Amino acid sequence: MGKKRKHDSSNEQSSTTIDTSKPTAIFKATSGRKWTVSIAVPGSIMANAQSRELQTILAGHIARALAVFCVDELVIFSDGQFTPPPSQNLSAQHSASPNLDQYTGFTHPNHFLAHILSYLECPANLRRTLFPRHPNLQHAGMLPSLDMPHHLKPQEYCRWREGVTGGSEKDAGRVVTHVQTGLKQDVHIEGEVAPGSRVTVDLQTKKAPDNGNEPIAGRAVAPSTPREKKGLYWGYSVRDAASLSAVLTECPFDGGYDLSIGTSERGKPVSEISADAGTTAGFKHMMIVYGGVAGLEVAVQADEELKKVGVEKPEELFDHWVNLVPGQGSRTIRTEEAVWVGLMGLRGVVERNVK
C-alpha cells in the first residue's frame, strides 16, 4: 500500500484566508528611474468609432494600456487622415479655429483624445476643479479607473502627492500657497502660485499626518521627481504634435529619444527586437510610434517637413521597424489593440533597462 500523504492544515488555512475580493497588486519602486517610455498615436483613430460612447471607450482602452505598462508620455499626432463626417463638416475658417467648448470627437480628434486621457490620468479628487463640465467628458464616468500610484486615498501616505492650489497668504513674513491634496489638512508651499494650478508636492513629514486642521508643510517639485528619486510611476503626460516628424523633433527630454521604434506589418518580427540586447539595452528615452488605419506611410506622405529632407519611407525615421503580430489572422489590427500588443511585445526591452 502506498503511504498516506500527511494533511497540511497550515496550507489549507492560508489558502482560505486569502482575500481575493480586492486588488492586491501594489506598485513596488526599486530605485530612482531617469529613463522614460513614450508612445505616439494618430488622433485620426477616433474615426474608427462612430458614436460618442465608442470614442470614449477607445480612449479608455489606450489609457488603461498606458497605466498598466507605466508609460511616461503619450504623443497624439496628425497623420493627414482625418476628415470630419459630412454632418460635421466645418468651413475652412472654422476648421482652423475649432470650438473647443463643444464636443470635439468628430471635429478635433486630437483634442478629444488628449482631453479624455488627461482627465483619466488626473487623481479623482482633483478632477472637479481642474476639469469643468464639458461635452467631451459626458461618458467618461463609464470608463474603468486607472488606479495609479499617485491616485492616493486620504488615509494612504506617500511622500509626494498631487494637489490643486487655492489662495495665497502671508505666514511669518513669507508668502505661502494653500494646496488641496485630498488630505484632511491643506499643504502649504512657499511662494505664490495661481489658484487652480495642479502641482506635485513633497510633504515635509514621514508619516500620515493626523493633527487636526494644522496645515502641513510641503514644497512644490517637478512631476518627474517621484520617478527620478524613488522610481515611482507617477502617471503620463500628454503632448500634441502637428505631424509625425514633430513627434521626434519636439521631444521634451534632454538629448531626444535615443531609441525609436516604428510599427508596421511590413517590419521585422517584434520578437527579434525584444531579444536583441545589443541594440536596445541602456536606452534613456524610448519612443514607440503607432500608425492609424492606413499605417505610418500616409503620415510620412502628409508631412511637409519630411518632404523637405527627402524622407519617403517611415522606416527611415526609426532605429527599428517592427511587426507586432507576424502572421496575423485579421487583415487589420486596430491601433488601440496594437498599443497593448506592442507594449507587451517590447516588455523585454524595458525589463533589461530596469536591471
Protein backbone atom coordinates (compact mmCIF):
# COMPACT_ATOMS: atom_id res chain seq x y z
CA MET A 1 0.00 0.00 0.00
CA GLY A 2 1.17 3.48 -0.76
CA LYS A 3 1.93 5.82 2.08
CA LYS A 4 -0.78 8.24 3.05
CA ARG A 5 0.02 11.85 2.43
CA LYS A 6 0.21 13.97 5.52
CA HIS A 7 -2.55 16.55 5.54
CA ASP A 8 -1.07 20.04 5.74
CA SER A 9 -3.63 22.07 7.63
CA SER A 10 -1.44 25.18 7.59
CA ASN A 11 -1.56 25.38 3.78
CA GLU A 12 -5.30 24.88 3.84
CA GLN A 13 -5.67 27.64 6.39
CA SER A 14 -3.50 30.07 4.45
CA SER A 15 -5.42 29.44 1.24
CA THR A 16 -8.75 30.03 2.90
CA THR A 17 -7.67 33.32 4.47
CA ILE A 18 -6.56 34.95 1.22
CA ASP A 19 -8.96 37.72 0.32
CA THR A 20 -9.21 37.94 -3.47
CA SER A 21 -12.16 40.34 -3.48
CA LYS A 22 -9.86 43.35 -3.64
CA PRO A 23 -6.82 44.08 -5.82
CA THR A 24 -3.54 43.17 -4.17
CA ALA A 25 -1.01 44.27 -6.80
CA ILE A 26 0.83 47.30 -5.46
CA PHE A 27 3.46 49.16 -7.48
CA LYS A 28 6.83 48.47 -5.88
CA ALA A 29 9.53 51.03 -6.58
CA THR A 30 13.10 49.76 -6.51
CA SER A 31 15.30 52.76 -7.19
CA GLY A 32 15.25 56.10 -8.96
CA ARG A 33 14.48 55.98 -12.68
CA LYS A 34 15.79 58.58 -15.12
CA TRP A 35 14.77 56.76 -18.29
CA THR A 36 11.31 57.04 -19.84
CA VAL A 37 8.95 55.19 -22.17
CA SER A 38 6.81 57.16 -24.63
CA ILE A 39 4.30 56.18 -27.28
CA ALA A 40 2.70 58.12 -30.13
CA VAL A 41 -0.66 57.51 -31.82
CA PRO A 42 -2.54 59.47 -34.52
CA GLY A 43 -5.69 61.29 -33.48
CA SER A 44 -7.38 60.02 -36.63
CA ILE A 45 -8.06 56.70 -34.91
CA MET A 46 -11.15 58.40 -33.47
CA ALA A 47 -12.71 57.98 -36.92
CA ASN A 48 -12.90 54.22 -36.22
CA ALA A 49 -15.56 54.90 -33.59
CA GLN A 50 -18.93 56.05 -34.87
CA SER A 51 -20.52 57.35 -31.67
CA ARG A 52 -19.54 59.42 -28.66
CA GLU A 53 -19.71 56.38 -26.40
CA LEU A 54 -17.43 54.31 -28.66
CA GLN A 55 -14.94 57.16 -29.00
CA THR A 56 -14.77 57.45 -25.22
CA ILE A 57 -14.30 53.70 -24.80
CA LEU A 58 -11.50 53.69 -27.40
CA ALA A 59 -9.68 56.42 -25.44
CA GLY A 60 -10.20 54.41 -22.26
CA HIS A 61 -8.53 51.33 -23.78
CA ILE A 62 -5.43 53.38 -24.56
CA ALA A 63 -5.40 54.97 -21.11
CA ARG A 64 -5.50 51.55 -19.44
CA ALA A 65 -2.52 50.38 -21.50
CA LEU A 66 -0.54 53.49 -20.55
CA ALA A 67 -1.20 52.87 -16.86
CA VAL A 68 -0.61 49.11 -16.86
CA PHE A 69 2.75 49.39 -18.67
CA CYS A 70 3.94 52.55 -16.85
CA VAL A 71 4.18 54.72 -19.95
CA ASP A 72 5.52 58.18 -19.13
CA GLU A 73 4.44 60.17 -22.18
CA LEU A 74 1.74 59.94 -24.84
CA VAL A 75 2.04 61.97 -28.04
CA ILE A 76 -1.02 62.48 -30.25
CA PHE A 77 -0.05 63.45 -33.78
CA SER A 78 -1.83 64.38 -37.00
CA ASP A 79 -1.32 61.96 -39.90
CA GLY A 80 -3.36 63.84 -42.51
CA GLN A 81 -6.14 61.24 -42.50
CA PHE A 82 -8.85 63.00 -40.53
CA THR A 83 -11.83 64.43 -42.37
CA PRO A 84 -14.92 65.47 -40.40
CA PRO A 85 -18.02 63.37 -41.21
CA PRO A 86 -20.41 65.05 -43.72
CA SER A 87 -22.78 66.16 -40.97
CA GLN A 88 -19.84 67.64 -39.07
CA ASN A 89 -18.02 69.37 -41.94
CA LEU A 90 -16.85 72.83 -40.97
CA SER A 91 -15.99 75.85 -43.05
CA ALA A 92 -12.31 76.31 -43.79
CA GLN A 93 -12.19 79.23 -41.38
CA HIS A 94 -13.92 77.28 -38.63
CA SER A 95 -11.71 74.24 -39.19
CA ALA A 96 -8.66 76.37 -38.49
CA SER A 97 -10.14 77.51 -35.18
CA PRO A 98 -12.47 74.77 -33.91
CA ASN A 99 -14.77 75.48 -30.99
CA LEU A 100 -13.14 73.50 -28.21
CA ASP A 101 -16.07 74.18 -25.87
CA GLN A 102 -18.18 71.76 -27.91
CA TYR A 103 -17.82 68.02 -28.38
CA THR A 104 -14.60 67.55 -30.35
CA GLY A 105 -14.56 63.80 -31.04
CA PHE A 106 -15.84 64.41 -34.58
CA THR A 107 -14.30 67.83 -35.24
CA HIS A 108 -10.92 67.83 -33.49
CA PRO A 109 -9.99 64.23 -32.59
CA ASN A 110 -6.53 65.13 -31.26
CA HIS A 111 -8.08 67.49 -28.73
CA PHE A 112 -10.74 64.95 -27.74
CA LEU A 113 -8.24 62.16 -27.16
CA ALA A 114 -5.93 64.43 -25.17
CA HIS A 115 -8.88 65.71 -23.11
CA ILE A 116 -10.09 62.23 -22.11
CA LEU A 117 -6.61 60.87 -21.40
CA SER A 118 -5.63 63.90 -19.30
CA TYR A 119 -8.86 63.59 -17.33
CA LEU A 120 -8.27 59.90 -16.57
CA GLU A 121 -4.66 60.49 -15.54
CA CYS A 122 -5.69 63.14 -13.02
CA PRO A 123 -6.42 61.95 -9.44
CA ALA A 124 -10.17 61.77 -8.90
CA ASN A 125 -10.21 64.28 -6.02
CA LEU A 126 -8.74 66.99 -8.27
CA ARG A 127 -10.91 66.49 -11.34
CA ARG A 128 -13.83 68.67 -10.35
CA THR A 129 -11.54 71.69 -10.00
CA LEU A 130 -9.23 71.03 -12.95
CA PHE A 131 -11.81 69.70 -15.42
CA PRO A 132 -15.02 71.73 -15.65
CA ARG A 133 -18.11 70.10 -17.15
CA HIS A 134 -17.56 69.54 -20.88
CA PRO A 135 -19.34 67.54 -23.62
CA ASN A 136 -16.14 65.53 -24.21
CA LEU A 137 -16.42 64.11 -20.69
CA GLN A 138 -20.09 63.18 -20.94
CA HIS A 139 -19.36 59.43 -20.94
CA ALA A 140 -16.04 59.42 -19.06
CA GLY A 141 -17.75 58.07 -15.96
CA MET A 142 -18.28 54.72 -17.70
CA LEU A 143 -14.53 54.13 -18.05
CA PRO A 144 -12.58 51.98 -15.57
CA SER A 145 -10.27 53.64 -13.08
CA LEU A 146 -6.55 53.74 -13.85
CA ASP A 147 -5.72 53.39 -10.13
CA MET A 148 -2.12 54.57 -10.48
CA PRO A 149 0.31 55.14 -7.58
CA HIS A 150 -0.42 58.88 -7.45
CA HIS A 151 -4.17 58.25 -7.19
CA LEU A 152 -3.95 58.23 -3.42
CA LYS A 153 -6.75 57.85 -0.90
CA PRO A 154 -6.88 60.22 2.11
CA GLN A 155 -5.64 57.54 4.54
CA GLU A 156 -2.72 56.49 2.32
CA TYR A 157 0.69 58.00 2.96
CA CYS A 158 3.17 58.85 0.26
CA ARG A 159 5.96 61.38 0.43
CA TRP A 160 4.61 63.01 -2.73
CA ARG A 161 1.04 63.90 -3.61
CA GLU A 162 -0.73 65.69 -6.45
CA GLY A 163 -2.70 68.76 -5.47
CA VAL A 164 -4.52 71.82 -6.75
CA THR A 165 -3.67 75.30 -5.50
CA GLY A 166 -6.07 77.58 -3.66
CA GLY A 167 -5.39 81.03 -2.28
CA SER A 168 -2.15 82.52 -1.04
CA GLU A 169 -1.37 84.37 2.18
CA LYS A 170 1.48 85.74 4.26
CA ASP A 171 2.68 83.45 7.03
CA ALA A 172 5.51 84.58 9.33
CA GLY A 173 6.64 87.15 6.82
CA ARG A 174 6.65 84.85 3.81
CA VAL A 175 4.09 84.12 1.13
CA VAL A 176 2.62 80.62 1.13
CA THR A 177 0.07 78.97 -1.14
CA HIS A 178 -2.60 76.55 0.07
CA VAL A 179 -2.68 73.23 -1.80
CA GLN A 180 -5.55 70.73 -1.51
CA THR A 181 -4.17 67.20 -1.96
CA GLY A 182 -7.01 65.02 -0.70
CA LEU A 183 -5.75 65.02 2.89
CA LYS A 184 -7.80 66.49 5.73
CA GLN A 185 -5.38 69.39 6.03
CA ASP A 186 -4.13 71.78 3.39
CA VAL A 187 -0.49 71.67 2.38
CA HIS A 188 1.43 74.96 2.45
CA ILE A 189 4.14 75.59 -0.14
CA GLU A 190 6.37 78.64 -0.35
CA GLY A 191 5.69 81.27 -2.97
CA GLU A 192 2.58 82.40 -4.79
CA VAL A 193 1.04 80.07 -7.37
CA ALA A 194 -2.04 80.93 -9.41
CA PRO A 195 -5.23 79.35 -8.00
CA GLY A 196 -6.47 76.26 -9.79
CA SER A 197 -3.00 75.04 -10.77
CA ARG A 198 -2.02 71.40 -10.48
CA VAL A 199 1.22 70.86 -8.55
CA THR A 200 3.25 67.95 -7.25
CA VAL A 201 4.14 68.48 -3.61
CA ASP A 202 6.83 66.90 -1.45
CA LEU A 203 5.40 66.56 2.05
CA GLN A 204 7.77 67.52 4.85
CA THR A 205 6.57 64.67 7.06
CA LYS A 206 7.47 60.99 7.26
CA LYS A 207 4.06 59.62 8.20
CA ALA A 208 0.41 60.23 7.51
CA PRO A 209 -0.41 63.42 9.44
CA ASP A 210 -3.24 63.38 11.96
CA ASN A 211 -3.06 66.73 13.69
CA GLY A 212 -6.50 68.21 13.18
CA ASN A 213 -6.63 71.21 10.87
CA GLU A 214 -2.99 72.25 11.25
CA PRO A 215 -1.51 72.84 7.73
CA ILE A 216 1.20 70.51 6.51
CA ALA A 217 4.49 71.94 5.28
CA GLY A 218 5.48 70.94 1.76
CA ARG A 219 7.32 72.15 -1.29
CA ALA A 220 6.49 72.12 -4.98
CA VAL A 221 8.60 69.79 -7.13
CA ALA A 222 8.67 68.70 -10.75
CA PRO A 223 6.14 65.95 -11.65
CA SER A 224 9.09 63.75 -12.64
CA THR A 225 10.62 63.88 -9.13
CA PRO A 226 8.87 60.79 -7.67
CA ARG A 227 10.07 58.76 -10.66
CA GLU A 228 13.61 60.11 -10.65
CA LYS A 229 14.10 59.93 -6.87
CA LYS A 230 12.35 56.67 -5.97
CA GLY A 231 11.29 55.06 -9.24
CA LEU A 232 7.58 55.59 -8.59
CA TYR A 233 5.34 55.55 -11.64
CA TRP A 234 3.68 58.96 -11.49
CA GLY A 235 1.32 58.90 -14.45
CA TYR A 236 1.78 60.07 -18.02
CA SER A 237 1.96 63.44 -19.73
CA VAL A 238 0.05 64.19 -22.95
CA ARG A 239 1.62 66.10 -25.84
CA ASP A 240 0.06 67.20 -29.13
CA ALA A 241 2.19 67.07 -32.30
CA ALA A 242 1.24 68.65 -35.61
CA SER A 243 2.91 65.90 -37.66
CA LEU A 244 4.87 62.67 -37.48
CA SER A 245 8.20 64.50 -37.66
CA ALA A 246 7.16 66.72 -34.75
CA VAL A 247 6.75 63.61 -32.60
CA LEU A 248 10.50 63.08 -32.75
CA THR A 249 11.85 66.63 -33.11
CA GLU A 250 9.82 68.18 -30.28
CA CYS A 251 10.89 65.67 -27.64
CA PRO A 252 10.75 67.31 -24.17
CA PHE A 253 13.63 65.21 -22.80
CA ASP A 254 17.28 66.27 -22.96
CA GLY A 255 19.04 64.56 -25.85
CA GLY A 256 15.81 63.44 -27.53
CA TYR A 257 14.68 59.84 -27.98
CA ASP A 258 17.72 57.60 -28.25
CA LEU A 259 15.62 54.51 -29.07
CA SER A 260 12.79 54.93 -31.58
CA ILE A 261 10.58 52.11 -32.82
CA GLY A 262 8.04 52.30 -35.64
CA THR A 263 5.32 49.67 -36.03
CA SER A 264 4.06 48.11 -39.26
CA GLU A 265 3.03 44.71 -40.62
CA ARG A 266 5.93 45.22 -43.07
CA GLY A 267 8.54 45.32 -40.31
CA LYS A 268 10.67 42.57 -38.78
CA PRO A 269 9.11 40.41 -36.02
CA VAL A 270 8.99 42.21 -32.69
CA SER A 271 10.45 39.12 -31.02
CA GLU A 272 13.76 39.77 -32.78
CA ILE A 273 13.96 43.29 -31.38
CA SER A 274 12.95 42.25 -27.89
CA ALA A 275 15.65 39.58 -27.86
CA ASP A 276 18.36 41.81 -29.36
CA ALA A 277 20.05 43.12 -26.24
CA GLY A 278 22.91 44.65 -28.20
CA THR A 279 20.84 47.32 -29.96
CA THR A 280 18.16 48.11 -27.39
CA ALA A 281 19.87 47.94 -23.99
CA GLY A 282 20.55 51.02 -21.92
CA PHE A 283 18.18 53.48 -23.56
CA LYS A 284 17.43 56.81 -21.90
CA HIS A 285 14.20 57.70 -23.67
CA MET A 286 12.31 55.18 -25.79
CA MET A 287 9.59 56.15 -28.27
CA ILE A 288 7.16 53.67 -29.88
CA VAL A 289 5.10 55.08 -32.76
CA TYR A 290 1.86 53.50 -33.96
CA GLY A 291 0.05 54.24 -37.20
CA GLY A 292 -3.65 54.58 -37.89
CA VAL A 293 -5.83 52.57 -40.24
CA ALA A 294 -3.64 53.37 -43.26
CA GLY A 295 -0.34 52.94 -41.41
CA LEU A 296 2.57 55.30 -40.90
CA GLU A 297 3.18 55.55 -44.64
CA VAL A 298 0.36 58.08 -45.05
CA ALA A 299 1.70 60.12 -42.14
CA VAL A 300 5.02 60.44 -43.98
CA GLN A 301 3.27 61.49 -47.19
CA ALA A 302 1.32 64.20 -45.34
CA ASP A 303 4.37 65.58 -43.53
CA GLU A 304 5.77 68.64 -45.30
CA GLU A 305 8.91 68.73 -43.16
CA LEU A 306 9.82 65.17 -44.14
CA LYS A 307 9.31 66.00 -47.80
CA LYS A 308 11.82 68.85 -47.48
CA VAL A 309 14.53 66.50 -46.26
CA GLY A 310 13.71 63.74 -48.74
CA VAL A 311 12.24 61.14 -46.37
CA GLU A 312 9.85 58.92 -48.33
CA LYS A 313 9.54 55.81 -46.19
CA PRO A 314 8.64 55.72 -42.49
CA GLU A 315 11.26 53.08 -41.68
CA GLU A 316 13.92 55.72 -42.42
CA LEU A 317 12.83 57.62 -39.30
CA PHE A 318 13.28 54.87 -36.73
CA ASP A 319 16.02 52.78 -35.18
CA HIS A 320 13.77 49.73 -35.53
CA TRP A 321 10.81 48.92 -37.80
CA VAL A 322 8.80 46.10 -36.26
CA ASN A 323 5.83 43.86 -36.98
CA LEU A 324 3.91 43.38 -33.75
CA VAL A 325 1.89 40.32 -34.84
CA PRO A 326 3.58 38.31 -37.63
CA GLY A 327 1.04 36.09 -39.38
CA GLN A 328 -1.97 38.00 -38.08
CA GLY A 329 -5.34 36.41 -38.86
CA SER A 330 -7.30 39.64 -39.21
CA ARG A 331 -6.49 41.98 -42.08
CA THR A 332 -6.18 44.87 -39.66
CA ILE A 333 -5.12 45.39 -36.08
CA ARG A 334 -6.78 48.41 -34.51
CA THR A 335 -4.42 50.96 -33.02
CA GLU A 336 -5.83 50.59 -29.51
CA GLU A 337 -5.13 46.85 -29.82
CA ALA A 338 -1.67 47.45 -31.24
CA VAL A 339 -0.78 49.63 -28.25
CA TRP A 340 -1.36 46.72 -25.87
CA VAL A 341 0.38 44.19 -28.12
CA GLY A 342 3.37 46.45 -28.71
CA LEU A 343 3.95 47.32 -25.08
CA MET A 344 3.75 43.66 -24.14
CA GLY A 345 5.96 42.57 -27.05
CA LEU A 346 8.62 45.12 -26.10
CA ARG A 347 8.41 44.37 -22.40
CA GLY A 348 11.73 42.56 -22.56
CA VAL A 349 13.44 45.74 -23.77
CA VAL A 350 12.04 47.69 -20.81
CA GLU A 351 12.91 44.97 -18.29
CA ARG A 352 16.53 44.95 -19.45
CA ASN A 353 16.66 48.65 -18.72
CA VAL A 354 15.23 48.05 -15.24
CA LYS A 355 18.04 45.61 -14.49
